[in-house]
PDB file of N, CA and C in Angstrom:
ATOM      1  N   MET A   1       0.846  -1.172   0.000  1.00  0.00           N
ATOM      2  CA  MET A   1       0.000   0.000   0.000  1.00  0.00           C
ATOM      3  C   MET A   1       0.892   1.236   0.000  1.00  0.00           C
ATOM      4  N   LYS A   2       0.554   2.171  -0.844  1.00  0.00           N
ATOM      5  CA  LYS A   2       1.285   3.430  -0.896  1.00  0.00           C
ATOM      6  C   LYS A   2       0.832   4.324   0.248  1.00  0.00           C
ATOM      7  N   MET A   3       1.733   5.143   0.722  1.00  0.00           N
ATOM      8  CA  MET A   3       1.412   6.031   1.839  1.00  0.00           C
ATOM      9  C   MET A   3       0.241   6.946   1.519  1.00  0.00           C
ATOM     10  N   SER A   4       0.115   7.392   0.277  1.00  0.00           N
ATOM     11  CA  SER A   4      -0.941   8.343  -0.071  1.00  0.00           C
ATOM     12  C   SER A   4      -2.329   7.702  -0.031  1.00  0.00           C
ATOM     13  N   GLU A   5      -2.413   6.378  -0.230  1.00  0.00           N
ATOM     14  CA  GLU A   5      -3.725   5.727  -0.257  1.00  0.00           C
ATOM     15  C   GLU A   5      -4.508   5.892   1.052  1.00  0.00           C
ATOM     16  N   PRO A   6      -3.897   5.615   2.221  1.00  0.00           N
ATOM     17  CA  PRO A   6      -4.692   5.777   3.437  1.00  0.00           C
ATOM     18  C   PRO A   6      -4.936   7.231   3.819  1.00  0.00           C
ATOM     19  N   LEU A   7      -4.260   8.148   3.165  1.00  0.00           N
ATOM     20  CA  LEU A   7      -4.401   9.563   3.507  1.00  0.00           C
ATOM     21  C   LEU A   7      -5.470  10.276   2.690  1.00  0.00           C
ATOM     22  N   THR A   8      -5.932   9.668   1.613  1.00  0.00           N
ATOM     23  CA  THR A   8      -6.846  10.368   0.715  1.00  0.00           C
ATOM     24  C   THR A   8      -8.179  10.716   1.367  1.00  0.00           C
ATOM     25  N   GLY A   9      -8.633   9.956   2.353  1.00  0.00           N
ATOM     26  CA  GLY A   9      -9.923  10.222   2.973  1.00  0.00           C
ATOM     27  C   GLY A   9      -9.867  11.026   4.257  1.00  0.00           C
ATOM     28  N   LEU A  10      -8.701  11.508   4.633  1.00  0.00           N
ATOM     29  CA  LEU A  10      -8.581  12.215   5.913  1.00  0.00           C
ATOM     30  C   LEU A  10      -9.427  13.485   5.967  1.00  0.00           C
ATOM     31  N   ASP A  11      -9.539  14.185   4.855  1.00  0.00           N
ATOM     32  CA  ASP A  11     -10.333  15.415   4.844  1.00  0.00           C
ATOM     33  C   ASP A  11     -11.807  15.152   5.132  1.00  0.00           C
ATOM     34  N   ASP A  12     -12.266  13.928   4.859  1.00  0.00           N
ATOM     35  CA  ASP A  12     -13.678  13.601   5.047  1.00  0.00           C
ATOM     36  C   ASP A  12     -14.013  13.156   6.464  1.00  0.00           C
ATOM     37  N   LEU A  13     -13.022  12.965   7.304  1.00  0.00           N
ATOM     38  CA  LEU A  13     -13.259  12.493   8.667  1.00  0.00           C
ATOM     39  C   LEU A  13     -13.645  13.629   9.597  1.00  0.00           C
ATOM     40  N   THR A  14     -14.526  13.317  10.540  1.00  0.00           N
ATOM     41  CA  THR A  14     -14.798  14.276  11.611  1.00  0.00           C
ATOM     42  C   THR A  14     -13.591  14.266  12.547  1.00  0.00           C
ATOM     43  N   PRO A  15     -13.437  15.271  13.374  1.00  0.00           N
ATOM     44  CA  PRO A  15     -12.312  15.250  14.317  1.00  0.00           C
ATOM     45  C   PRO A  15     -12.304  14.003  15.202  1.00  0.00           C
ATOM     46  N   ASP A  16     -13.465  13.565  15.668  1.00  0.00           N
ATOM     47  CA  ASP A  16     -13.521  12.360  16.504  1.00  0.00           C
ATOM     48  C   ASP A  16     -13.111  11.117  15.716  1.00  0.00           C
ATOM     49  N   GLU A  17     -13.550  11.012  14.463  1.00  0.00           N
ATOM     50  CA  GLU A  17     -13.173   9.868  13.636  1.00  0.00           C
ATOM     51  C   GLU A  17     -11.665   9.861  13.376  1.00  0.00           C
ATOM     52  N   PHE A  18     -11.135  11.044  13.114  1.00  0.00           N
ATOM     53  CA  PHE A  18      -9.700  11.155  12.884  1.00  0.00           C
ATOM     54  C   PHE A  18      -8.916  10.692  14.108  1.00  0.00           C
ATOM     55  N   LEU A  19      -9.320  11.169  15.293  1.00  0.00           N
ATOM     56  CA  LEU A  19      -8.612  10.798  16.520  1.00  0.00           C
ATOM     57  C   LEU A  19      -8.750   9.310  16.821  1.00  0.00           C
ATOM     58  N   ARG A  20      -9.931   8.725  16.541  1.00  0.00           N
ATOM     59  CA  ARG A  20     -10.106   7.280  16.720  1.00  0.00           C
ATOM     60  C   ARG A  20      -9.176   6.510  15.791  1.00  0.00           C
ATOM     61  N   GLN A  21      -9.075   6.948  14.551  1.00  0.00           N
ATOM     62  CA  GLN A  21      -8.208   6.286  13.583  1.00  0.00           C
ATOM     63  C   GLN A  21      -6.744   6.399  14.005  1.00  0.00           C
ATOM     64  N   LEU A  22      -6.368   7.559  14.462  1.00  0.00           N
ATOM     65  CA  LEU A  22      -5.000   7.762  14.924  1.00  0.00           C
ATOM     66  C   LEU A  22      -4.688   6.882  16.132  1.00  0.00           C
ATOM     67  N   ALA A  23      -5.620   6.793  17.075  1.00  0.00           N
ATOM     68  CA  ALA A  23      -5.435   5.937  18.253  1.00  0.00           C
ATOM     69  C   ALA A  23      -5.340   4.471  17.848  1.00  0.00           C
ATOM     70  N   ALA A  24      -6.118   4.039  16.873  1.00  0.00           N
ATOM     71  CA  ALA A  24      -6.067   2.659  16.393  1.00  0.00           C
ATOM     72  C   ALA A  24      -4.717   2.367  15.745  1.00  0.00           C
ATOM     73  N   LEU A  25      -4.192   3.325  14.997  1.00  0.00           N
ATOM     74  CA  LEU A  25      -2.866   3.155  14.392  1.00  0.00           C
ATOM     75  C   LEU A  25      -1.795   3.040  15.468  1.00  0.00           C
ATOM     76  N   ARG A  26      -1.910   3.836  16.508  1.00  0.00           N
ATOM     77  CA  ARG A  26      -0.940   3.773  17.611  1.00  0.00           C
ATOM     78  C   ARG A  26      -1.010   2.417  18.301  1.00  0.00           C
ATOM     79  N   GLU A  27      -2.214   1.877  18.483  1.00  0.00           N
ATOM     80  CA  GLU A  27      -2.379   0.557  19.093  1.00  0.00           C
ATOM     81  C   GLU A  27      -1.719  -0.515  18.225  1.00  0.00           C
ATOM     82  N   GLN A  28      -1.901  -0.427  16.916  1.00  0.00           N
ATOM     83  CA  GLN A  28      -1.256  -1.376  16.004  1.00  0.00           C
ATOM     84  C   GLN A  28       0.268  -1.269  16.102  1.00  0.00           C
ATOM     85  N   GLN A  29       0.752  -0.038  16.180  1.00  0.00           N
ATOM     86  CA  GLN A  29       2.189   0.181  16.300  1.00  0.00           C
ATOM     87  C   GLN A  29       2.721  -0.427  17.597  1.00  0.00           C
ATOM     88  N   ASP A  30       2.003  -0.241  18.695  1.00  0.00           N
ATOM     89  CA  ASP A  30       2.417  -0.814  19.978  1.00  0.00           C
ATOM     90  C   ASP A  30       2.467  -2.337  19.911  1.00  0.00           C
ATOM     91  N   GLN A  31       1.469  -2.941  19.265  1.00  0.00           N
ATOM     92  CA  GLN A  31       1.441  -4.397  19.128  1.00  0.00           C
ATOM     93  C   GLN A  31       2.613  -4.891  18.285  1.00  0.00           C
ATOM     94  N   LEU A  32       2.901  -4.192  17.199  1.00  0.00           N
ATOM     95  CA  LEU A  32       4.043  -4.575  16.363  1.00  0.00           C
ATOM     96  C   LEU A  32       5.365  -4.407  17.108  1.00  0.00           C
ATOM     97  N   ASP A  33       5.495  -3.333  17.878  1.00  0.00           N
ATOM     98  CA  ASP A  33       6.705  -3.122  18.668  1.00  0.00           C
ATOM     99  C   ASP A  33       6.889  -4.264  19.671  1.00  0.00           C
ATOM    100  N   GLN A  34       5.801  -4.704  20.289  1.00  0.00           N
ATOM    101  CA  GLN A  34       5.858  -5.809  21.244  1.00  0.00           C
ATOM    102  C   GLN A  34       6.298  -7.097  20.549  1.00  0.00           C
ATOM    103  N   LEU A  35       5.780  -7.341  19.352  1.00  0.00           N
ATOM    104  CA  LEU A  35       6.178  -8.528  18.595  1.00  0.00           C
ATOM    105  C   LEU A  35       7.653  -8.483  18.201  1.00  0.00           C
ATOM    106  N   VAL A  36       8.126  -7.322  17.811  1.00  0.00           N
ATOM    107  CA  VAL A  36       9.542  -7.186  17.457  1.00  0.00           C
ATOM    108  C   VAL A  36      10.407  -7.487  18.680  1.00  0.00           C
ATOM    109  N   ARG A  37      10.037  -6.937  19.829  1.00  0.00           N
ATOM    110  CA  ARG A  37      10.803  -7.211  21.053  1.00  0.00           C
ATOM    111  C   ARG A  37      10.796  -8.702  21.382  1.00  0.00           C
ATOM    112  N   ALA A  38       9.648  -9.348  21.241  1.00  0.00           N
ATOM    113  CA  ALA A  38       9.555 -10.784  21.517  1.00  0.00           C
ATOM    114  C   ALA A  38      10.422 -11.583  20.544  1.00  0.00           C
ATOM    115  N   HIS A  39      10.408 -11.203  19.276  1.00  0.00           N
ATOM    116  CA  HIS A  39      11.245 -11.896  18.289  1.00  0.00           C
ATOM    117  C   HIS A  39      12.734 -11.716  18.614  1.00  0.00           C
ATOM    118  N   LEU A  40      13.113 -10.520  19.005  1.00  0.00           N
ATOM    119  CA  LEU A  40      14.512 -10.284  19.357  1.00  0.00           C
ATOM    120  C   LEU A  40      14.902 -11.076  20.601  1.00  0.00           C
ATOM    121  N   ALA A  41      14.023 -11.103  21.590  1.00  0.00           N
ATOM    122  CA  ALA A  41      14.296 -11.895  22.800  1.00  0.00           C
ATOM    123  C   ALA A  41      14.439 -13.364  22.436  1.00  0.00           C
ATOM    124  N   TYR A  42      13.546 -13.876  21.602  1.00  0.00           N
ATOM    125  CA  TYR A  42      13.645 -15.269  21.168  1.00  0.00           C
ATOM    126  C   TYR A  42      14.985 -15.519  20.472  1.00  0.00           C
ATOM    127  N   ALA A  43      15.317 -14.660  19.535  1.00  0.00           N
ATOM    128  CA  ALA A  43      16.526 -14.857  18.731  1.00  0.00           C
ATOM    129  C   ALA A  43      17.790 -14.842  19.580  1.00  0.00           C
ATOM    130  N   ARG A  44      17.813 -14.018  20.600  1.00  0.00           N
ATOM    131  CA  ARG A  44      19.015 -13.895  21.421  1.00  0.00           C
ATOM    132  C   ARG A  44      19.040 -14.847  22.606  1.00  0.00           C
ATOM    133  N   GLU A  45      17.880 -15.184  23.165  1.00  0.00           N
ATOM    134  CA  GLU A  45      17.845 -15.922  24.425  1.00  0.00           C
ATOM    135  C   GLU A  45      17.310 -17.344  24.319  1.00  0.00           C
ATOM    136  N   PHE A  46      16.570 -17.663  23.255  1.00  0.00           N
ATOM    137  CA  PHE A  46      15.892 -18.955  23.182  1.00  0.00           C
ATOM    138  C   PHE A  46      16.323 -19.808  21.990  1.00  0.00           C
ATOM    139  N   ALA A  47      16.677 -19.187  20.882  1.00  0.00           N
ATOM    140  CA  ALA A  47      17.057 -19.940  19.689  1.00  0.00           C
ATOM    141  C   ALA A  47      18.358 -20.684  19.967  1.00  0.00           C
ATOM    142  N   GLY A  48      18.445 -21.884  19.450  1.00  0.00           N
ATOM    143  CA  GLY A  48      19.642 -22.636  19.762  1.00  0.00           C
ATOM    144  C   GLY A  48      20.047 -23.529  18.621  1.00  0.00           C
ATOM    145  N   PRO A  49      21.227 -24.032  18.697  1.00  0.00           N
ATOM    146  CA  PRO A  49      22.072 -24.035  19.895  1.00  0.00           C
ATOM    147  C   PRO A  49      22.793 -22.713  20.126  1.00  0.00           C
ATOM    148  N   ARG A  50      22.811 -21.834  19.136  1.00  0.00           N
ATOM    149  CA  ARG A  50      23.444 -20.516  19.294  1.00  0.00           C
ATOM    150  C   ARG A  50      22.424 -19.434  18.968  1.00  0.00           C
ATOM    151  N   PRO A  51      22.581 -18.276  19.599  1.00  0.00           N
ATOM    152  CA  PRO A  51      21.675 -17.172  19.254  1.00  0.00           C
ATOM    153  C   PRO A  51      22.006 -16.604  17.879  1.00  0.00           C
ATOM    154  N   TYR A  52      21.047 -15.925  17.309  1.00  0.00           N
ATOM    155  CA  TYR A  52      21.306 -15.179  16.076  1.00  0.00           C
ATOM    156  C   TYR A  52      22.338 -14.105  16.384  1.00  0.00           C
ATOM    157  N   THR A  53      23.090 -13.697  15.396  1.00  0.00           N
ATOM    158  CA  THR A  53      24.095 -12.666  15.639  1.00  0.00           C
ATOM    159  C   THR A  53      23.431 -11.300  15.796  1.00  0.00           C
ATOM    160  N   LEU A  54      24.082 -10.465  16.573  1.00  0.00           N
ATOM    161  CA  LEU A  54      23.578  -9.101  16.750  1.00  0.00           C
ATOM    162  C   LEU A  54      23.530  -8.369  15.421  1.00  0.00           C
ATOM    163  N   ALA A  55      24.536  -8.591  14.587  1.00  0.00           N
ATOM    164  CA  ALA A  55      24.593  -7.900  13.295  1.00  0.00           C
ATOM    165  C   ALA A  55      23.437  -8.307  12.394  1.00  0.00           C
ATOM    166  N   SER A  56      23.118  -9.599  12.345  1.00  0.00           N
ATOM    167  CA  SER A  56      22.025 -10.037  11.475  1.00  0.00           C
ATOM    168  C   SER A  56      20.681  -9.539  11.995  1.00  0.00           C
ATOM    169  N   LEU A  57      20.510  -9.540  13.297  1.00  0.00           N
ATOM    170  CA  LEU A  57      19.264  -9.037  13.873  1.00  0.00           C
ATOM    171  C   LEU A  57      19.137  -7.530  13.681  1.00  0.00           C
ATOM    172  N   ALA A  58      20.244  -6.826  13.849  1.00  0.00           N
ATOM    173  CA  ALA A  58      20.219  -5.373  13.660  1.00  0.00           C
ATOM    174  C   ALA A  58      19.803  -5.033  12.237  1.00  0.00           C
ATOM    175  N   SER A  59      20.363  -5.752  11.291  1.00  0.00           N
ATOM    176  CA  SER A  59      20.027  -5.504   9.891  1.00  0.00           C
ATOM    177  C   SER A  59      18.551  -5.788   9.621  1.00  0.00           C
ATOM    178  N   ALA A  60      18.056  -6.908  10.110  1.00  0.00           N
ATOM    179  CA  ALA A  60      16.665  -7.293   9.857  1.00  0.00           C
ATOM    180  C   ALA A  60      15.670  -6.364  10.556  1.00  0.00           C
ATOM    181  N   ALA A  61      16.023  -5.894  11.739  1.00  0.00           N
ATOM    182  CA  ALA A  61      15.104  -5.072  12.530  1.00  0.00           C
ATOM    183  C   ALA A  61      15.267  -3.577  12.287  1.00  0.00           C
ATOM    184  N   GLY A  62      16.271  -3.196  11.524  1.00  0.00           N
ATOM    185  CA  GLY A  62      16.507  -1.772  11.291  1.00  0.00           C
ATOM    186  C   GLY A  62      17.023  -1.058  12.524  1.00  0.00           C
ATOM    187  N   LEU A  63      17.826  -1.762  13.304  1.00  0.00           N
ATOM    188  CA  LEU A  63      18.401  -1.211  14.531  1.00  0.00           C
ATOM    189  C   LEU A  63      19.911  -1.258  14.454  1.00  0.00           C
ATOM    190  N   SER A  64      20.554  -0.592  15.379  1.00  0.00           N
ATOM    191  CA  SER A  64      21.992  -0.744  15.537  1.00  0.00           C
ATOM    192  C   SER A  64      22.231  -1.994  16.382  1.00  0.00           C
ATOM    193  N   ILE A  65      23.465  -2.441  16.413  1.00  0.00           N
ATOM    194  CA  ILE A  65      23.788  -3.597  17.255  1.00  0.00           C
ATOM    195  C   ILE A  65      23.480  -3.288  18.713  1.00  0.00           C
ATOM    196  N   SER A  66      23.854  -2.109  19.173  1.00  0.00           N
ATOM    197  CA  SER A  66      23.544  -1.759  20.560  1.00  0.00           C
ATOM    198  C   SER A  66      22.035  -1.617  20.766  1.00  0.00           C
ATOM    199  N   GLY A  67      21.333  -1.222  19.715  1.00  0.00           N
ATOM    200  CA  GLY A  67      19.870  -1.142  19.801  1.00  0.00           C
ATOM    201  C   GLY A  67      19.237  -2.496  19.991  1.00  0.00           C
ATOM    202  N   VAL A  68      19.789  -3.524  19.360  1.00  0.00           N
ATOM    203  CA  VAL A  68      19.280  -4.886  19.552  1.00  0.00           C
ATOM    204  C   VAL A  68      19.517  -5.325  20.993  1.00  0.00           C
ATOM    205  N   ARG A  69      20.695  -5.010  21.509  1.00  0.00           N
ATOM    206  CA  ARG A  69      21.026  -5.410  22.893  1.00  0.00           C
ATOM    207  C   ARG A  69      20.038  -4.845  23.903  1.00  0.00           C
ATOM    208  N   THR A  70      19.547  -3.658  23.646  1.00  0.00           N
ATOM    209  CA  THR A  70      18.674  -2.993  24.620  1.00  0.00           C
ATOM    210  C   THR A  70      17.203  -2.987  24.220  1.00  0.00           C
ATOM    211  N   ALA A  71      16.876  -3.620  23.094  1.00  0.00           N
ATOM    212  CA  ALA A  71      15.504  -3.539  22.570  1.00  0.00           C
ATOM    213  C   ALA A  71      14.500  -4.344  23.375  1.00  0.00           C
ATOM    214  N   TYR A  72      14.937  -5.390  24.030  1.00  0.00           N
ATOM    215  CA  TYR A  72      14.010  -6.239  24.772  1.00  0.00           C
ATOM    216  C   TYR A  72      14.434  -6.308  26.232  1.00  0.00           C
ATOM    217  N   SER A  73      13.485  -6.641  27.073  1.00  0.00           N
ATOM    218  CA  SER A  73      13.717  -6.654  28.517  1.00  0.00           C
ATOM    219  C   SER A  73      13.500  -8.060  29.080  1.00  0.00           C
ATOM    220  N   SER A  74      13.728  -8.186  30.360  1.00  0.00           N
ATOM    221  CA  SER A  74      13.463  -9.466  31.020  1.00  0.00           C
ATOM    222  C   SER A  74      11.970  -9.795  30.966  1.00  0.00           C
ATOM    223  N   ALA A  75      11.140  -8.770  30.968  1.00  0.00           N
ATOM    224  CA  ALA A  75       9.693  -9.012  30.845  1.00  0.00           C
ATOM    225  C   ALA A  75       9.360  -9.595  29.475  1.00  0.00           C
ATOM    226  N   ASP A  76      10.029  -9.121  28.423  1.00  0.00           N
ATOM    227  CA  ASP A  76       9.828  -9.687  27.091  1.00  0.00           C
ATOM    228  C   ASP A  76      10.290 -11.142  27.069  1.00  0.00           C
ATOM    229  N   CYS A  77      11.410 -11.427  27.717  1.00  0.00           N
ATOM    230  CA  CYS A  77      11.893 -12.817  27.799  1.00  0.00           C
ATOM    231  C   CYS A  77      10.895 -13.692  28.542  1.00  0.00           C
ATOM    232  N   ALA A  78      10.290 -13.169  29.581  1.00  0.00           N
ATOM    233  CA  ALA A  78       9.299 -13.939  30.337  1.00  0.00           C
ATOM    234  C   ALA A  78       8.083 -14.262  29.477  1.00  0.00           C
ATOM    235  N   VAL A  79       7.668 -13.323  28.655  1.00  0.00           N
ATOM    236  CA  VAL A  79       6.540 -13.568  27.743  1.00  0.00           C
ATOM    237  C   VAL A  79       6.883 -14.685  26.767  1.00  0.00           C
ATOM    238  N   VAL A  80       8.091 -14.638  26.211  1.00  0.00           N
ATOM    239  CA  VAL A  80       8.520 -15.673  25.269  1.00  0.00           C
ATOM    240  C   VAL A  80       8.608 -17.024  25.986  1.00  0.00           C
ATOM    241  N   ALA A  81       9.164 -17.038  27.186  1.00  0.00           N
ATOM    242  CA  ALA A  81       9.295 -18.286  27.944  1.00  0.00           C
ATOM    243  C   ALA A  81       7.929 -18.911  28.214  1.00  0.00           C
ATOM    244  N   ARG A  82       6.971 -18.090  28.610  1.00  0.00           N
ATOM    245  CA  ARG A  82       5.613 -18.610  28.847  1.00  0.00           C
ATOM    246  C   ARG A  82       5.012 -19.148  27.555  1.00  0.00           C
ATOM    247  N   SER A  83       5.215 -18.437  26.476  1.00  0.00           N
ATOM    248  CA  SER A  83       4.660 -18.851  25.193  1.00  0.00           C
ATOM    249  C   SER A  83       5.271 -20.171  24.724  1.00  0.00           C
ATOM    250  N   LEU A  84       6.584 -20.318  24.893  1.00  0.00           N
ATOM    251  CA  LEU A  84       7.269 -21.531  24.462  1.00  0.00           C
ATOM    252  C   LEU A  84       7.148 -22.668  25.466  1.00  0.00           C
ATOM    253  N   GLY A  85       6.853 -22.324  26.705  1.00  0.00           N
ATOM    254  CA  GLY A  85       6.776 -23.338  27.759  1.00  0.00           C
ATOM    255  C   GLY A  85       8.143 -23.851  28.186  1.00  0.00           C
ATOM    256  N   ARG A  86       9.162 -22.992  28.031  1.00  0.00           N
ATOM    257  CA  ARG A  86      10.515 -23.372  28.436  1.00  0.00           C
ATOM    258  C   ARG A  86      11.313 -22.117  28.757  1.00  0.00           C
ATOM    259  N   PRO A  87      12.324 -22.277  29.598  1.00  0.00           N
ATOM    260  CA  PRO A  87      13.142 -21.128  29.962  1.00  0.00           C
ATOM    261  C   PRO A  87      14.130 -20.782  28.841  1.00  0.00           C
ATOM    262  N   PRO A  88      14.783 -19.629  28.973  1.00  0.00           N
ATOM    263  CA  PRO A  88      15.812 -19.266  27.994  1.00  0.00           C
ATOM    264  C   PRO A  88      16.926 -20.306  27.947  1.00  0.00           C
ATOM    265  N   ARG A  89      17.621 -20.345  26.852  1.00  0.00           N
ATOM    266  CA  ARG A  89      18.756 -21.249  26.663  1.00  0.00           C
ATOM    267  C   ARG A  89      19.748 -21.058  27.818  1.00  0.00           C
ATOM    268  N   GLY A  90      20.216 -22.127  28.367  1.00  0.00           N
ATOM    269  CA  GLY A  90      21.193 -22.055  29.456  1.00  0.00           C
ATOM    270  C   GLY A  90      20.567 -21.895  30.826  1.00  0.00           C
ATOM    271  N   GLN A  91      19.245 -21.765  30.922  1.00  0.00           N
ATOM    272  CA  GLN A  91      18.582 -21.638  32.214  1.00  0.00           C
ATOM    273  C   GLN A  91      17.664 -22.831  32.491  1.00  0.00           C
ATOM    274  N   SER A  92      17.928 -23.937  31.854  1.00  0.00           N
ATOM    275  CA  SER A  92      17.066 -25.124  32.006  1.00  0.00           C
ATOM    276  C   SER A  92      17.175 -25.723  33.377  1.00  0.00           C
TER     277      SER A  92
END
């Protein structure tokens, strides 16, 4: 989808409709950000026998190497662990 396509109808929205649409987009963005963090946590802490490299993850995620290191938290790891039903690699 081109960026201009979703913008063509903005003039026709009421202020409340516009704000609802904007809030919905923010919610989608938050969900995608959470998924990216979970994927990074999986790749670094759960994938085995070795984690994905920081460089490959940085390239795929559009982050710097240091950005990958700090992109996910222990809470993100806990979500992945619950989802997989197993602890991170090396914590069995």
